[in-house]
Protein backbone atom coordinates (compact mmCIF):
# COMPACT_ATOMS: atom_id res chain seq x y z
CA MET A 1 0.00 0.00 0.00
CA ILE A 2 1.31 3.43 -0.97
CA ALA A 3 -0.27 6.61 0.39
CA ALA A 4 0.17 10.27 -0.47
CA ILE A 5 -0.22 12.99 2.15
CA LEU A 6 -1.08 16.39 0.66
CA VAL A 7 -0.25 19.07 3.22
CA ALA A 8 -2.94 21.71 2.67
CA ALA A 9 -3.33 23.28 6.12
CA GLY A 10 -0.86 26.16 5.85
CA GLN A 11 -1.66 29.86 5.96
CA GLY A 12 0.33 30.92 2.88
CA LYS A 13 1.34 34.22 4.52
CA ARG A 14 3.79 35.20 1.77
CA MET A 15 0.95 35.32 -0.76
CA GLY A 16 -0.64 38.25 1.09
CA ALA A 17 -3.21 38.90 3.79
CA GLY A 18 -6.55 37.19 3.27
CA VAL A 19 -5.37 35.18 0.24
CA ASP A 20 -5.61 31.37 0.33
CA LYS A 21 -3.19 30.38 -2.41
CA LEU A 22 -4.54 26.84 -2.66
CA TRP A 23 -7.87 28.15 -3.90
CA LEU A 24 -6.50 30.63 -6.43
CA GLU A 25 -7.57 29.65 -9.94
CA VAL A 26 -4.78 28.76 -12.32
CA ALA A 27 -5.23 27.06 -15.69
CA GLY A 28 -8.96 26.74 -15.05
CA ARG A 29 -8.87 25.11 -11.60
CA PRO A 30 -7.79 25.93 -8.05
CA VAL A 31 -4.14 25.20 -7.31
CA ILE A 32 -5.09 22.39 -4.92
CA ALA A 33 -7.21 20.71 -7.61
CA HIS A 34 -4.18 20.39 -9.90
CA THR A 35 -2.01 18.93 -7.12
CA TRP A 36 -4.74 16.51 -6.08
CA LYS A 37 -5.25 15.40 -9.69
CA LYS A 38 -1.55 14.58 -10.11
CA PHE A 39 -1.76 12.08 -7.25
CA ASN A 40 -5.27 10.89 -8.11
CA ASP A 41 -3.98 9.96 -11.58
CA ALA A 42 -0.65 8.47 -10.43
CA PRO A 43 -0.91 4.68 -10.88
CA CYS A 44 1.57 4.01 -8.06
CA VAL A 45 -0.51 5.77 -5.37
CA ASP A 46 -3.30 3.82 -3.66
CA GLU A 47 -4.85 6.44 -1.38
CA ILE A 48 -4.65 10.15 -0.62
CA ILE A 49 -4.71 11.85 2.77
CA LEU A 50 -5.42 15.59 2.64
CA VAL A 51 -4.41 17.51 5.75
CA VAL A 52 -6.56 20.64 5.79
CA ARG A 53 -7.46 23.52 8.07
CA ASP A 54 -10.23 22.42 10.38
CA GLY A 55 -13.54 23.69 9.06
CA MET A 56 -12.44 23.47 5.42
CA GLN A 57 -13.47 19.83 4.99
CA PRO A 58 -16.74 20.61 3.13
CA GLN A 59 -14.88 22.64 0.49
CA PHE A 60 -12.49 19.78 -0.18
CA THR A 61 -15.31 17.23 -0.35
CA GLU A 62 -17.14 19.42 -2.85
CA LEU A 63 -13.97 19.85 -4.91
CA ALA A 64 -13.49 16.09 -5.12
CA ALA A 65 -17.02 15.72 -6.49
CA GLN A 66 -16.59 18.55 -8.99
CA CYS A 67 -13.33 17.10 -10.30
CA HIS A 68 -14.58 13.48 -10.29
CA PHE A 69 -11.60 12.22 -8.30
CA GLN A 70 -11.97 8.47 -7.97
CA LYS A 71 -9.05 7.46 -5.77
CA PRO A 72 -9.89 6.84 -2.08
CA PHE A 73 -9.15 9.89 0.08
CA ARG A 74 -9.50 11.03 3.67
CA LEU A 75 -9.57 14.53 5.15
CA VAL A 76 -7.59 15.18 8.34
CA ALA A 77 -7.39 18.37 10.38
CA GLY A 78 -3.98 20.04 10.37
CA GLY A 79 -1.85 20.95 13.37
CA ALA A 80 -0.21 24.11 14.63
CA GLU A 81 2.92 23.57 12.50
CA ARG A 82 3.62 21.72 9.26
CA GLN A 83 5.37 18.98 11.23
CA ASP A 84 2.20 18.49 13.29
CA SER A 85 0.09 18.32 10.13
CA VAL A 86 2.34 15.64 8.67
CA TRP A 87 2.10 13.70 11.94
CA ASN A 88 -1.70 13.87 11.78
CA GLY A 89 -1.58 12.67 8.18
CA LEU A 90 0.63 9.74 9.09
CA ALA A 91 -1.86 8.71 11.77
CA ALA A 92 -4.57 8.51 9.10
CA VAL A 93 -2.89 6.23 6.52
CA SER A 94 -4.35 2.75 6.14
CA PRO A 95 -2.87 -0.06 8.24
CA GLY A 96 -0.18 -1.88 6.33
CA THR A 97 0.89 1.17 4.34
CA GLU A 98 4.52 0.67 3.33
CA ILE A 99 5.44 3.95 1.62
CA VAL A 100 4.14 7.50 2.05
CA ALA A 101 4.78 10.42 -0.29
CA ILE A 102 4.42 13.80 1.44
CA GLN A 103 3.55 16.63 -0.93
CA ASP A 104 3.14 20.40 -0.62
CA ALA A 105 -0.42 21.04 -1.77
CA ALA A 106 0.82 24.26 -3.38
CA ARG A 107 3.16 22.35 -5.72
CA PRO A 108 0.78 21.47 -8.58
CA CYS A 109 3.20 20.60 -11.40
CA THR A 110 4.73 17.40 -9.97
CA ASP A 111 4.51 14.74 -12.63
CA ALA A 112 3.78 11.01 -12.32
CA ALA A 113 7.33 10.04 -13.27
CA LEU A 114 8.80 12.00 -10.36
CA ILE A 115 6.25 10.60 -7.92
CA ALA A 116 7.10 7.07 -9.03
CA ALA A 117 10.85 7.74 -8.90
CA THR A 118 10.74 8.97 -5.29
CA ILE A 119 8.65 5.94 -4.29
CA ALA A 120 11.16 3.56 -5.87
CA ALA A 121 14.07 5.34 -4.20
CA ALA A 122 12.35 5.35 -0.79
CA ARG A 123 11.61 1.66 -1.08
CA GLU A 124 15.32 1.04 -1.64
CA THR A 125 16.90 3.60 0.72
CA GLY A 126 14.15 4.31 3.26
CA ALA A 127 13.82 8.00 2.37
CA ALA A 128 13.94 10.07 -0.81
CA VAL A 129 13.25 13.63 -1.92
CA ALA A 130 12.61 15.38 -5.21
CA ALA A 131 15.47 17.81 -5.71
CA GLN A 132 17.41 19.87 -8.22
CA PRO A 133 21.07 20.88 -8.20
CA VAL A 134 21.56 24.58 -7.47
CA VAL A 135 22.53 26.39 -10.68
CA ASP A 136 22.71 30.00 -9.46
CA THR A 137 25.83 31.44 -7.85
CA ILE A 138 25.24 31.45 -4.10
CA LYS A 139 26.50 34.20 -1.80
CA GLU A 140 26.65 34.24 2.00
CA THR A 141 26.05 37.40 4.01
CA VAL A 142 26.26 38.14 7.71
CA ASP A 143 24.15 41.29 7.87
CA GLY A 144 21.86 40.87 4.88
CA ARG A 145 23.50 43.75 3.02
CA ILE A 146 27.13 42.94 2.24
CA ILE A 147 28.42 39.70 0.68
CA SER A 148 30.69 37.75 3.00
CA ARG A 149 31.75 34.99 0.64
CA THR A 150 30.81 32.88 -2.36
CA VAL A 151 29.53 29.41 -1.48
CA ASP A 152 30.63 26.38 -3.50
CA ARG A 153 27.42 25.34 -5.25
CA SER A 154 28.78 22.04 -6.60
CA LYS A 155 27.46 20.18 -3.55
CA LEU A 156 24.22 22.15 -3.09
CA TRP A 157 20.76 20.90 -3.97
CA SER A 158 17.36 22.54 -3.66
CA VAL A 159 14.83 20.10 -2.21
CA GLN A 160 11.18 20.02 -3.20
CA THR A 161 8.33 17.55 -2.76
CA PRO A 162 7.34 14.80 -2.82
CA GLN A 163 9.43 13.76 0.14
CA THR A 164 8.85 10.03 0.26
CA PHE A 165 9.57 7.52 3.01
CA ARG A 166 9.01 4.09 4.38
CA VAL A 167 6.27 4.78 6.91
CA ALA A 168 8.23 3.35 9.83
CA VAL A 169 11.20 5.59 8.97
CA ILE A 170 9.33 8.91 8.88
CA ARG A 171 7.35 8.07 12.02
CA ARG A 172 10.58 7.35 13.87
CA ALA A 173 12.20 10.52 12.51
CA ILE A 174 9.35 12.86 13.46
CA THR A 175 9.07 11.19 16.86
CA ALA A 176 12.74 12.05 17.44
CA ALA A 177 12.13 15.68 16.46
CA ARG A 178 9.12 15.94 18.76
CA GLU A 179 10.99 14.38 21.67
CA GLN A 180 13.77 16.97 21.22
CA GLY A 181 11.28 19.83 21.07
CA LEU A 182 12.26 20.68 17.49
CA VAL A 183 9.86 22.14 14.92
CA LEU A 184 11.09 21.30 11.43
CA THR A 185 9.65 22.61 8.17
CA ASP A 186 11.31 19.88 6.11
CA ASP A 187 10.60 16.19 6.63
CA THR A 188 14.03 15.07 5.48
CA ALA A 189 15.59 17.19 8.24
CA ALA A 190 13.91 14.85 10.72
CA CYS A 191 15.63 11.94 8.98
CA GLU A 192 18.97 13.66 9.47
CA LEU A 193 18.30 13.60 13.24
CA ILE A 194 18.22 9.79 13.27
CA GLY A 195 21.01 9.26 10.74
CA GLN A 196 18.65 8.04 8.03
CA PRO A 197 20.12 8.40 4.51
CA VAL A 198 17.92 10.34 2.09
CA ARG A 199 18.21 9.76 -1.66
CA LEU A 200 18.14 12.82 -3.94
CA VAL A 201 15.81 12.27 -6.90
CA PRO A 202 16.17 14.83 -9.72
CA GLY A 203 13.13 15.48 -11.87
CA ALA A 204 13.11 16.06 -15.63
CA SER A 205 10.40 18.75 -15.49
CA PRO A 206 10.03 22.00 -13.50
CA ASN A 207 8.33 21.45 -10.15
CA PRO A 208 7.68 24.92 -8.68
CA LYS A 209 5.71 25.78 -5.57
CA VAL A 210 3.15 28.59 -5.47
CA THR A 211 4.50 30.90 -2.77
CA VAL A 212 4.14 34.51 -3.99
CA PRO A 213 1.86 36.08 -6.66
CA GLY A 214 4.71 36.14 -9.18
CA ASP A 215 4.76 32.32 -9.22
CA LEU A 216 1.32 32.02 -10.79
CA PRO A 217 2.14 32.84 -14.46
CA LEU A 218 4.94 30.25 -14.56
CA VAL A 219 2.78 27.60 -12.92
CA ALA A 220 -0.09 28.37 -15.29
CA SER A 221 2.13 27.99 -18.34
CA LEU A 222 3.52 24.67 -17.09
CA LEU A 223 0.06 23.28 -16.36
CA ILE A 224 -1.38 24.38 -19.68
CA ASN A 225 1.48 22.77 -21.58
CA SER A 226 1.68 19.57 -19.53
């Protein structure tokens, strides 16, 4: 059994006050509908857990009906932090689930090939993450104004989602973070706490996240042409 957890309980503060980025229309549908469809259509995923803000469950149920999503799904209330939302999602996966792919709901361009590749890598290594090598020159600064030094980018990667794990691995990793009182915004960082290797899985297609208004035109163009 393979489950996907779509983390859709965030506030999206960088998009602007009063704006719920997941429900912004792009390429004819809300952002969340595109993300949900990618996992609904992925042959390697058996069920979908959507972690949502409490009170938003009716909107998600209605969306599923409008989009004719057929794959089994469950709605779970999110927690105070992303880590708590992921924990709630893990508690909701079906018994016997072997692999879980954790996805930012605001990342709607993830393709089926990348989902499948992270699942295969997680099955082999225990943990895997969609990622891209950093191509820009990276500078370090102490005060936010003056460059301190140039960072060697040859070993730097930008991680995305899905972040995919054997269920036992990610439960053990997040448990370790919670026991240490740590709040992590990246699931693979919890794996680092327990010494769990994480496989980098590069994707062939752009996989952007909707974070600020300027992201929408790019995402729209990618969805229209996919």
